[in-house]
Full PDB file with SEQRES, HELIX, SHEET, SSBOND, CRYST1, ORIGX, SCALE, CONECT and MASTER records, all heavy atoms in Angstrom:
SEQRES   1 A   37  ASP ARG ALA THR LEU VAL HIS ALA THR TYR ASP GLU ILE          
SEQRES   2 A   37  ARG ASP VAL LEU THR ASP LEU ASP LEU PRO GLY ALA HIS          
SEQRES   3 A   37  ALA VAL MET MET ASP LEU GLY LEU SER SER PHE                  
HELIX    1 AA1 TYR A   10  GLU A   12  5                                   3    
HELIX    2 AA2 ILE A   13  ASP A   19  1                                   7    
CRYST1    1.000    1.000    1.000  90.00  90.00  90.00 P 1           1          
ORIGX1      1.000000  0.000000  0.000000        0.00000                         
ORIGX2      0.000000  1.000000  0.000000        0.00000                         
ORIGX3      0.000000  0.000000  1.000000        0.00000                         
SCALE1      1.000000  0.000000  0.000000        0.00000                         
SCALE2      0.000000  1.000000  0.000000        0.00000                         
SCALE3      0.000000  0.000000  1.000000        0.00000                         
ATOM      1  N   ASP A   1      96.343 105.768 106.982  1.00  0.00           N  
ATOM      2  CA  ASP A   1      96.467 106.415 105.678  1.00  0.00           C  
ATOM      3  C   ASP A   1      95.925 105.546 104.553  1.00  0.00           C  
ATOM      4  O   ASP A   1      95.742 106.016 103.426  1.00  0.00           O  
ATOM      5  CB  ASP A   1      97.925 106.770 105.401  1.00  0.00           C  
ATOM      6  CG  ASP A   1      98.838 105.543 105.388  1.00  0.00           C  
ATOM      7  OD1 ASP A   1      98.538 104.583 106.128  1.00  0.00           O  
ATOM      8  OD2 ASP A   1      99.837 105.557 104.641  1.00  0.00           O  
ATOM      9  N   ARG A   2      95.628 104.277 104.851  1.00  0.00           N  
ATOM     10  CA  ARG A   2      95.063 103.377 103.839  1.00  0.00           C  
ATOM     11  C   ARG A   2      93.586 103.083 104.112  1.00  0.00           C  
ATOM     12  O   ARG A   2      93.045 102.101 103.599  1.00  0.00           O  
ATOM     13  CB  ARG A   2      95.855 102.064 103.815  1.00  0.00           C  
ATOM     14  CG  ARG A   2      97.256 102.226 103.250  1.00  0.00           C  
ATOM     15  CD  ARG A   2      97.917 100.881 103.004  1.00  0.00           C  
ATOM     16  NE  ARG A   2      98.440 100.284 104.228  1.00  0.00           N  
ATOM     17  CZ  ARG A   2      98.237  99.036 104.596  1.00  0.00           C  
ATOM     18  NH1 ARG A   2      97.485  98.221 103.858  1.00  0.00           N  
ATOM     19  NH2 ARG A   2      98.776  98.565 105.700  1.00  0.00           N  
ATOM     20  N   ALA A   3      92.950 103.947 104.899  1.00  0.00           N  
ATOM     21  CA  ALA A   3      91.569 103.691 105.307  1.00  0.00           C  
ATOM     22  C   ALA A   3      90.650 104.842 104.919  1.00  0.00           C  
ATOM     23  O   ALA A   3      90.977 106.012 105.117  1.00  0.00           O  
ATOM     24  CB  ALA A   3      91.505 103.478 106.819  1.00  0.00           C  
ATOM     25  N   THR A   4      89.491 104.474 104.368  1.00  0.00           N  
ATOM     26  CA  THR A   4      88.405 105.420 104.127  1.00  0.00           C  
ATOM     27  C   THR A   4      87.208 104.928 104.933  1.00  0.00           C  
ATOM     28  O   THR A   4      86.733 103.807 104.711  1.00  0.00           O  
ATOM     29  CB  THR A   4      88.038 105.467 102.632  1.00  0.00           C  
ATOM     30  OG1 THR A   4      89.170 105.881 101.868  1.00  0.00           O  
ATOM     31  CG2 THR A   4      86.879 106.438 102.402  1.00  0.00           C  
ATOM     32  N   LEU A   5      86.741 105.749 105.867  1.00  0.00           N  
ATOM     33  CA  LEU A   5      85.660 105.338 106.758  1.00  0.00           C  
ATOM     34  C   LEU A   5      84.369 106.038 106.353  1.00  0.00           C  
ATOM     35  O   LEU A   5      84.356 107.236 106.085  1.00  0.00           O  
ATOM     36  CB  LEU A   5      86.014 105.653 108.215  1.00  0.00           C  
ATOM     37  CG  LEU A   5      87.364 105.116 108.710  1.00  0.00           C  
ATOM     38  CD1 LEU A   5      87.492 105.304 110.219  1.00  0.00           C  
ATOM     39  CD2 LEU A   5      87.559 103.656 108.328  1.00  0.00           C  
ATOM     40  N   VAL A   6      83.271 105.269 106.350  1.00  0.00           N  
ATOM     41  CA  VAL A   6      81.990 105.777 105.847  1.00  0.00           C  
ATOM     42  C   VAL A   6      80.884 105.458 106.842  1.00  0.00           C  
ATOM     43  O   VAL A   6      80.756 104.311 107.289  1.00  0.00           O  
ATOM     44  CB  VAL A   6      81.645 105.137 104.483  1.00  0.00           C  
ATOM     45  CG1 VAL A   6      80.324 105.693 103.953  1.00  0.00           C  
ATOM     46  CG2 VAL A   6      82.773 105.358 103.479  1.00  0.00           C  
ATOM     47  N   HIS A   7      80.075 106.474 107.156  1.00  0.00           N  
ATOM     48  CA  HIS A   7      78.907 106.284 108.020  1.00  0.00           C  
ATOM     49  C   HIS A   7      77.745 105.800 107.158  1.00  0.00           C  
ATOM     50  O   HIS A   7      77.169 106.553 106.365  1.00  0.00           O  
ATOM     51  CB  HIS A   7      78.551 107.602 108.712  1.00  0.00           C  
ATOM     52  CG  HIS A   7      77.341 107.506 109.595  1.00  0.00           C  
ATOM     53  ND1 HIS A   7      76.333 108.448 109.589  1.00  0.00           N  
ATOM     54  CD2 HIS A   7      76.966 106.562 110.489  1.00  0.00           C  
ATOM     55  CE1 HIS A   7      75.401 108.098 110.455  1.00  0.00           C  
ATOM     56  NE2 HIS A   7      75.764 106.957 111.015  1.00  0.00           N  
ATOM     57  N   ALA A   8      77.404 104.528 107.286  1.00  0.00           N  
ATOM     58  CA  ALA A   8      76.323 103.931 106.494  1.00  0.00           C  
ATOM     59  C   ALA A   8      75.963 102.588 107.113  1.00  0.00           C  
ATOM     60  O   ALA A   8      76.691 102.062 107.953  1.00  0.00           O  
ATOM     61  CB  ALA A   8      76.760 103.733 105.040  1.00  0.00           C  
ATOM     62  N   THR A   9      74.828 102.038 106.700  1.00  0.00           N  
ATOM     63  CA  THR A   9      74.510 100.659 107.062  1.00  0.00           C  
ATOM     64  C   THR A   9      75.120  99.746 106.008  1.00  0.00           C  
ATOM     65  O   THR A   9      75.327 100.137 104.860  1.00  0.00           O  
ATOM     66  CB  THR A   9      72.995 100.427 107.147  1.00  0.00           C  
ATOM     67  OG1 THR A   9      72.381 100.871 105.923  1.00  0.00           O  
ATOM     68  CG2 THR A   9      72.397 101.179 108.322  1.00  0.00           C  
ATOM     69  N   TYR A  10      75.401  98.511 106.390  1.00  0.00           N  
ATOM     70  CA  TYR A  10      76.199  97.678 105.501  1.00  0.00           C  
ATOM     71  C   TYR A  10      75.432  97.090 104.335  1.00  0.00           C  
ATOM     72  O   TYR A  10      76.025  96.452 103.465  1.00  0.00           O  
ATOM     73  CB  TYR A  10      76.944  96.598 106.289  1.00  0.00           C  
ATOM     74  CG  TYR A  10      76.119  95.641 107.102  1.00  0.00           C  
ATOM     75  CD1 TYR A  10      76.028  94.304 106.753  1.00  0.00           C  
ATOM     76  CD2 TYR A  10      75.469  96.050 108.255  1.00  0.00           C  
ATOM     77  CE1 TYR A  10      75.307  93.407 107.519  1.00  0.00           C  
ATOM     78  CE2 TYR A  10      74.737  95.173 109.016  1.00  0.00           C  
ATOM     79  CZ  TYR A  10      74.652  93.861 108.636  1.00  0.00           C  
ATOM     80  OH  TYR A  10      73.918  92.985 109.402  1.00  0.00           O  
ATOM     81  N   ASP A  11      74.135  97.329 104.265  1.00  0.00           N  
ATOM     82  CA  ASP A  11      73.431  96.966 103.040  1.00  0.00           C  
ATOM     83  C   ASP A  11      73.646  98.020 101.942  1.00  0.00           C  
ATOM     84  O   ASP A  11      73.175  97.850 100.817  1.00  0.00           O  
ATOM     85  CB  ASP A  11      71.939  96.765 103.296  1.00  0.00           C  
ATOM     86  CG  ASP A  11      71.257  97.999 103.859  1.00  0.00           C  
ATOM     87  OD1 ASP A  11      71.946  98.859 104.441  1.00  0.00           O  
ATOM     88  OD2 ASP A  11      70.028  98.097 103.738  1.00  0.00           O  
ATOM     89  N   GLU A  12      74.375  99.078 102.270  1.00  0.00           N  
ATOM     90  CA  GLU A  12      74.687 100.133 101.302  1.00  0.00           C  
ATOM     91  C   GLU A  12      76.074  99.955 100.695  1.00  0.00           C  
ATOM     92  O   GLU A  12      76.641 100.905 100.142  1.00  0.00           O  
ATOM     93  CB  GLU A  12      74.579 101.500 101.976  1.00  0.00           C  
ATOM     94  CG  GLU A  12      73.195 101.830 102.510  1.00  0.00           C  
ATOM     95  CD  GLU A  12      73.144 103.147 103.272  1.00  0.00           C  
ATOM     96  OE1 GLU A  12      73.532 103.179 104.457  1.00  0.00           O  
ATOM     97  OE2 GLU A  12      72.721 104.153 102.664  1.00  0.00           O  
ATOM     98  N   ILE A  13      76.631  98.753 100.767  1.00  0.00           N  
ATOM     99  CA  ILE A  13      77.985  98.505 100.256  1.00  0.00           C  
ATOM    100  C   ILE A  13      78.127  98.958  98.810  1.00  0.00           C  
ATOM    101  O   ILE A  13      79.089  99.640  98.439  1.00  0.00           O  
ATOM    102  CB  ILE A  13      78.334  97.005 100.375  1.00  0.00           C  
ATOM    103  CG1 ILE A  13      78.498  96.602 101.845  1.00  0.00           C  
ATOM    104  CG2 ILE A  13      79.597  96.673  99.596  1.00  0.00           C  
ATOM    105  CD1 ILE A  13      78.711  95.118 102.043  1.00  0.00           C  
ATOM    106  N   ARG A  14      77.188  98.559  97.983  1.00  0.00           N  
ATOM    107  CA  ARG A  14      77.280  98.902  96.560  1.00  0.00           C  
ATOM    108  C   ARG A  14      77.313 100.415  96.361  1.00  0.00           C  
ATOM    109  O   ARG A  14      78.116 100.946  95.582  1.00  0.00           O  
ATOM    110  CB  ARG A  14      76.097  98.291  95.798  1.00  0.00           C  
ATOM    111  CG  ARG A  14      76.277  98.282  94.284  1.00  0.00           C  
ATOM    112  CD  ARG A  14      74.938  98.055  93.606  1.00  0.00           C  
ATOM    113  NE  ARG A  14      74.242  96.898  94.123  1.00  0.00           N  
ATOM    114  CZ  ARG A  14      74.301  95.682  93.578  1.00  0.00           C  
ATOM    115  NH1 ARG A  14      75.055  95.497  92.516  1.00  0.00           N  
ATOM    116  NH2 ARG A  14      73.616  94.684  94.086  1.00  0.00           N  
ATOM    117  N   ASP A  15      76.426 101.151  97.069  1.00  0.00           N  
ATOM    118  CA  ASP A  15      76.389 102.610  96.938  1.00  0.00           C  
ATOM    119  C   ASP A  15      77.677 103.248  97.443  1.00  0.00           C  
ATOM    120  O   ASP A  15      78.175 104.219  96.855  1.00  0.00           O  
ATOM    121  CB  ASP A  15      75.198 103.179  97.704  1.00  0.00           C  
ATOM    122  CG  ASP A  15      73.865 102.795  97.101  1.00  0.00           C  
ATOM    123  OD1 ASP A  15      73.841 102.471  95.893  1.00  0.00           O  
ATOM    124  OD2 ASP A  15      72.857 102.813  97.823  1.00  0.00           O  
ATOM    125  N   VAL A  16      78.212 102.724  98.539  1.00  0.00           N  
ATOM    126  CA  VAL A  16      79.460 103.261  99.088  1.00  0.00           C  
ATOM    127  C   VAL A  16      80.590 103.108  98.082  1.00  0.00           C  
ATOM    128  O   VAL A  16      81.359 104.046  97.825  1.00  0.00           O  
ATOM    129  CB  VAL A  16      79.816 102.559 100.416  1.00  0.00           C  
ATOM    130  CG1 VAL A  16      81.233 102.914 100.854  1.00  0.00           C  
ATOM    131  CG2 VAL A  16      78.823 102.947 101.505  1.00  0.00           C  
ATOM    132  N   LEU A  17      80.714 101.930  97.473  1.00  0.00           N  
ATOM    133  CA  LEU A  17      81.766 101.707  96.486  1.00  0.00           C  
ATOM    134  C   LEU A  17      81.572 102.595  95.259  1.00  0.00           C  
ATOM    135  O   LEU A  17      82.541 103.151  94.721  1.00  0.00           O  
ATOM    136  CB  LEU A  17      81.795 100.235  96.080  1.00  0.00           C  
ATOM    137  CG  LEU A  17      82.263  99.255  97.163  1.00  0.00           C  
ATOM    138  CD1 LEU A  17      82.090  97.812  96.688  1.00  0.00           C  
ATOM    139  CD2 LEU A  17      83.711  99.507  97.563  1.00  0.00           C  
ATOM    140  N   THR A  18      80.325 102.738  94.828  1.00  0.00           N  
ATOM    141  CA  THR A  18      80.040 103.602  93.677  1.00  0.00           C  
ATOM    142  C   THR A  18      80.435 105.039  93.964  1.00  0.00           C  
ATOM    143  O   THR A  18      81.055 105.712  93.120  1.00  0.00           O  
ATOM    144  CB  THR A  18      78.552 103.526  93.302  1.00  0.00           C  
ATOM    145  OG1 THR A  18      78.230 102.182  92.934  1.00  0.00           O  
ATOM    146  CG2 THR A  18      78.230 104.464  92.148  1.00  0.00           C  
ATOM    147  N   ASP A  19      80.092 105.531  95.148  1.00  0.00           N  
ATOM    148  CA  ASP A  19      80.437 106.904  95.527  1.00  0.00           C  
ATOM    149  C   ASP A  19      81.944 107.127  95.557  1.00  0.00           C  
ATOM    150  O   ASP A  19      82.422 108.257  95.354  1.00  0.00           O  
ATOM    151  CB  ASP A  19      79.841 107.246  96.896  1.00  0.00           C  
ATOM    152  CG  ASP A  19      78.325 107.372  96.860  1.00  0.00           C  
ATOM    153  OD1 ASP A  19      77.770 107.493  95.751  1.00  0.00           O  
ATOM    154  OD2 ASP A  19      77.706 107.346  97.941  1.00  0.00           O  
ATOM    155  N   LEU A  20      82.699 106.057  95.810  1.00  0.00           N  
ATOM    156  CA  LEU A  20      84.162 106.157  95.857  1.00  0.00           C  
ATOM    157  C   LEU A  20      84.798 105.805  94.511  1.00  0.00           C  
ATOM    158  O   LEU A  20      86.032 105.690  94.419  1.00  0.00           O  
ATOM    159  CB  LEU A  20      84.708 105.219  96.938  1.00  0.00           C  
ATOM    160  CG  LEU A  20      84.309 105.556  98.383  1.00  0.00           C  
ATOM    161  CD1 LEU A  20      84.759 104.454  99.334  1.00  0.00           C  
ATOM    162  CD2 LEU A  20      84.907 106.898  98.803  1.00  0.00           C  
ATOM    163  N   ASP A  21      83.966 105.641  93.474  1.00  0.00           N  
ATOM    164  CA  ASP A  21      84.433 105.287  92.120  1.00  0.00           C  
ATOM    165  C   ASP A  21      85.208 103.976  92.116  1.00  0.00           C  
ATOM    166  O   ASP A  21      86.212 103.822  91.404  1.00  0.00           O  
ATOM    167  CB  ASP A  21      85.294 106.413  91.529  1.00  0.00           C  
ATOM    168  CG  ASP A  21      84.483 107.675  91.247  1.00  0.00           C  
ATOM    169  OD1 ASP A  21      83.312 107.539  90.858  1.00  0.00           O  
ATOM    170  OD2 ASP A  21      85.025 108.777  91.432  1.00  0.00           O  
ATOM    171  N   LEU A  22      84.739 103.020  92.886  1.00  0.00           N  
ATOM    172  CA  LEU A  22      85.368 101.707  92.946  1.00  0.00           C  
ATOM    173  C   LEU A  22      84.439 100.685  92.295  1.00  0.00           C  
ATOM    174  O   LEU A  22      83.255 100.620  92.635  1.00  0.00           O  
ATOM    175  CB  LEU A  22      85.642 101.307  94.395  1.00  0.00           C  
ATOM    176  CG  LEU A  22      86.651 102.184  95.144  1.00  0.00           C  
ATOM    177  CD1 LEU A  22      86.669 101.823  96.630  1.00  0.00           C  
ATOM    178  CD2 LEU A  22      88.037 102.035  94.534  1.00  0.00           C  
ATOM    179  N   PRO A  23      84.922  99.883  91.360  1.00  0.00           N  
ATOM    180  CA  PRO A  23      84.065  98.936  90.644  1.00  0.00           C  
ATOM    181  C   PRO A  23      83.657  97.718  91.453  1.00  0.00           C  
ATOM    182  O   PRO A  23      82.728  97.004  91.077  1.00  0.00           O  
ATOM    183  CB  PRO A  23      84.921  98.517  89.444  1.00  0.00           C  
ATOM    184  CG  PRO A  23      86.334  98.693  89.918  1.00  0.00           C  
ATOM    185  CD  PRO A  23      86.308  99.886  90.838  1.00  0.00           C  
ATOM    186  N   GLY A  24      84.353  97.457  92.549  1.00  0.00           N  
ATOM    187  CA  GLY A  24      84.026  96.292  93.363  1.00  0.00           C  
ATOM    188  C   GLY A  24      85.026  96.123  94.485  1.00  0.00           C  
ATOM    189  O   GLY A  24      85.838  97.011  94.763  1.00  0.00           O  
ATOM    190  N   ALA A  25      84.973  94.966  95.136  1.00  0.00           N  
ATOM    191  CA  ALA A  25      85.850  94.689  96.276  1.00  0.00           C  
ATOM    192  C   ALA A  25      86.572  93.369  96.050  1.00  0.00           C  
ATOM    193  O   ALA A  25      86.074  92.475  95.355  1.00  0.00           O  
ATOM    194  CB  ALA A  25      85.046  94.633  97.560  1.00  0.00           C  
ATOM    195  N   HIS A  26      87.742  93.253  96.669  1.00  0.00           N  
ATOM    196  CA  HIS A  26      88.516  92.015  96.608  1.00  0.00           C  
ATOM    197  C   HIS A  26      88.296  91.153  97.845  1.00  0.00           C  
ATOM    198  O   HIS A  26      88.562  89.947  97.815  1.00  0.00           O  
ATOM    199  CB  HIS A  26      90.005  92.329  96.445  1.00  0.00           C  
ATOM    200  CG  HIS A  26      90.311  93.082  95.188  1.00  0.00           C  
ATOM    201  ND1 HIS A  26      90.200  94.467  95.094  1.00  0.00           N  
ATOM    202  CD2 HIS A  26      90.700  92.646  93.953  1.00  0.00           C  
ATOM    203  CE1 HIS A  26      90.524  94.851  93.871  1.00  0.00           C  
ATOM    204  NE2 HIS A  26      90.828  93.771  93.155  1.00  0.00           N  
ATOM    205  N   ALA A  27      87.826  91.763  98.916  1.00  0.00           N  
ATOM    206  CA  ALA A  27      87.528  91.009 100.143  1.00  0.00           C  
ATOM    207  C   ALA A  27      86.520  91.797 100.956  1.00  0.00           C  
ATOM    208  O   ALA A  27      86.545  93.031 100.977  1.00  0.00           O  
ATOM    209  CB  ALA A  27      88.792  90.759 100.964  1.00  0.00           C  
ATOM    210  N   VAL A  28      85.625  91.057 101.618  1.00  0.00           N  
ATOM    211  CA  VAL A  28      84.597  91.672 102.464  1.00  0.00           C  
ATOM    212  C   VAL A  28      84.552  90.928 103.791  1.00  0.00           C  
ATOM    213  O   VAL A  28      84.558  89.691 103.821  1.00  0.00           O  
ATOM    214  CB  VAL A  28      83.204  91.628 101.804  1.00  0.00           C  
ATOM    215  CG1 VAL A  28      82.138  92.179 102.759  1.00  0.00           C  
ATOM    216  CG2 VAL A  28      83.196  92.427 100.503  1.00  0.00           C  
ATOM    217  N   MET A  29      84.474  91.691 104.872  1.00  0.00           N  
ATOM    218  CA  MET A  29      84.338  91.128 106.214  1.00  0.00           C  
ATOM    219  C   MET A  29      83.061  91.649 106.846  1.00  0.00           C  
ATOM    220  O   MET A  29      82.752  92.840 106.761  1.00  0.00           O  
ATOM    221  CB  MET A  29      85.534  91.548 107.086  1.00  0.00           C  
ATOM    222  CG  MET A  29      85.452  91.114 108.542  1.00  0.00           C  
ATOM    223  SD  MET A  29      85.843  89.366 108.728  1.00  0.00           S  
ATOM    224  CE  MET A  29      85.128  89.015 110.344  1.00  0.00           C  
ATOM    225  N   MET A  30      82.301  90.752 107.486  1.00  0.00           N  
ATOM    226  CA  MET A  30      81.142  91.139 108.287  1.00  0.00           C  
ATOM    227  C   MET A  30      81.232  90.430 109.632  1.00  0.00           C  
ATOM    228  O   MET A  30      81.215  89.205 109.687  1.00  0.00           O  
ATOM    229  CB  MET A  30      79.823  90.744 107.605  1.00  0.00           C  
ATOM    230  CG  MET A  30      79.508  91.464 106.336  1.00  0.00           C  
ATOM    231  SD  MET A  30      77.871  90.949 105.711  1.00  0.00           S  
ATOM    232  CE  MET A  30      77.814  91.861 104.161  1.00  0.00           C  
ATOM    233  N   ASP A  31      81.355  91.207 110.682  1.00  0.00           N  
ATOM    234  CA  ASP A  31      81.345  90.683 112.051  1.00  0.00           C  
ATOM    235  C   ASP A  31      80.056  91.203 112.683  1.00  0.00           C  
ATOM    236  O   ASP A  31      79.982  92.356 113.092  1.00  0.00           O  
ATOM    237  CB  ASP A  31      82.583  91.169 112.804  1.00  0.00           C  
ATOM    238  CG  ASP A  31      82.675  90.596 114.209  1.00  0.00           C  
ATOM    239  OD1 ASP A  31      81.922  89.650 114.520  1.00  0.00           O  
ATOM    240  OD2 ASP A  31      83.500  91.093 115.002  1.00  0.00           O  
ATOM    241  N   LEU A  32      79.044  90.364 112.745  1.00  0.00           N  
ATOM    242  CA  LEU A  32      77.692  90.806 113.070  1.00  0.00           C  
ATOM    243  C   LEU A  32      77.490  90.978 114.572  1.00  0.00           C  
ATOM    244  O   LEU A  32      78.352  90.659 115.379  1.00  0.00           O  
ATOM    245  CB  LEU A  32      76.675  89.809 112.508  1.00  0.00           C  
ATOM    246  CG  LEU A  32      76.828  89.504 111.017  1.00  0.00           C  
ATOM    247  CD1 LEU A  32      75.848  88.426 110.594  1.00  0.00           C  
ATOM    248  CD2 LEU A  32      76.646  90.770 110.172  1.00  0.00           C  
ATOM    249  N   GLY A  33      76.317  91.470 114.924  1.00  0.00           N  
ATOM    250  CA  GLY A  33      75.957  91.574 116.331  1.00  0.00           C  
ATOM    251  C   GLY A  33      76.428  92.858 116.981  1.00  0.00           C  
ATOM    252  O   GLY A  33      76.703  93.870 116.333  1.00  0.00           O  
ATOM    253  N   LEU A  34      76.547  92.794 118.303  1.00  0.00           N  
ATOM    254  CA  LEU A  34      76.837  93.957 119.132  1.00  0.00           C  
ATOM    255  C   LEU A  34      78.300  93.947 119.532  1.00  0.00           C  
ATOM    256  O   LEU A  34      78.858  92.899 119.853  1.00  0.00           O  
ATOM    257  CB  LEU A  34      75.966  93.912 120.387  1.00  0.00           C  
ATOM    258  CG  LEU A  34      75.759  95.192 121.188  1.00  0.00           C  
ATOM    259  CD1 LEU A  34      75.046  96.240 120.360  1.00  0.00           C  
ATOM    260  CD2 LEU A  34      74.950  94.882 122.445  1.00  0.00           C  
ATOM    261  N   SER A  35      78.941  95.115 119.525  1.00  0.00           N  
ATOM    262  CA  SER A  35      80.339  95.190 119.930  1.00  0.00           C  
ATOM    263  C   SER A  35      80.445  95.448 121.426  1.00  0.00           C  
ATOM    264  O   SER A  35      79.507  95.930 122.067  1.00  0.00           O  
ATOM    265  CB  SER A  35      81.064  96.309 119.171  1.00  0.00           C  
ATOM    266  OG  SER A  35      80.710  97.584 119.697  1.00  0.00           O  
ATOM    267  N   SER A  36      81.620  95.154 121.965  1.00  0.00           N  
ATOM    268  CA  SER A  36      81.867  95.412 123.382  1.00  0.00           C  
ATOM    269  C   SER A  36      81.696  96.890 123.698  1.00  0.00           C  
ATOM    270  O   SER A  36      81.220  97.266 124.771  1.00  0.00           O  
ATOM    271  CB  SER A  36      83.275  94.949 123.760  1.00  0.00           C  
ATOM    272  OG  SER A  36      83.460  93.583 123.462  1.00  0.00           O  
ATOM    273  N   PHE A  37      82.092  97.752 122.766  1.00  0.00           N  
ATOM    274  CA  PHE A  37      81.953  99.192 122.971  1.00  0.00           C  
ATOM    275  C   PHE A  37      80.499  99.587 123.195  1.00  0.00           C  
ATOM    276  O   PHE A  37      80.176 100.368 124.087  1.00  0.00           O  
ATOM    277  CB  PHE A  37      82.530  99.937 121.763  1.00  0.00           C  
ATOM    278  CG  PHE A  37      81.952 101.310 121.562  1.00  0.00           C  
ATOM    279  CD1 PHE A  37      82.206 102.332 122.460  1.00  0.00           C  
ATOM    280  CD2 PHE A  37      81.142 101.569 120.467  1.00  0.00           C  
ATOM    281  CE1 PHE A  37      81.662 103.594 122.267  1.00  0.00           C  
ATOM    282  CE2 PHE A  37      80.599 102.822 120.275  1.00  0.00           C  
ATOM    283  CZ  PHE A  37      80.857 103.845 121.185  1.00  0.00           C  
TER     284      PHE A  37                                                      
MASTER        0    0    0    2    0    0    0    6  283    1    0    3          
END                                                                             
């Protein structure tokens, strides 16, 4: 209930936040590479 999930590439962070009317972020995580899935 505290999650908003967005289909995008992570270089679109700024656009994603803008679309959600958010001025910025307090923390960002990037775990790069390929997932086990």
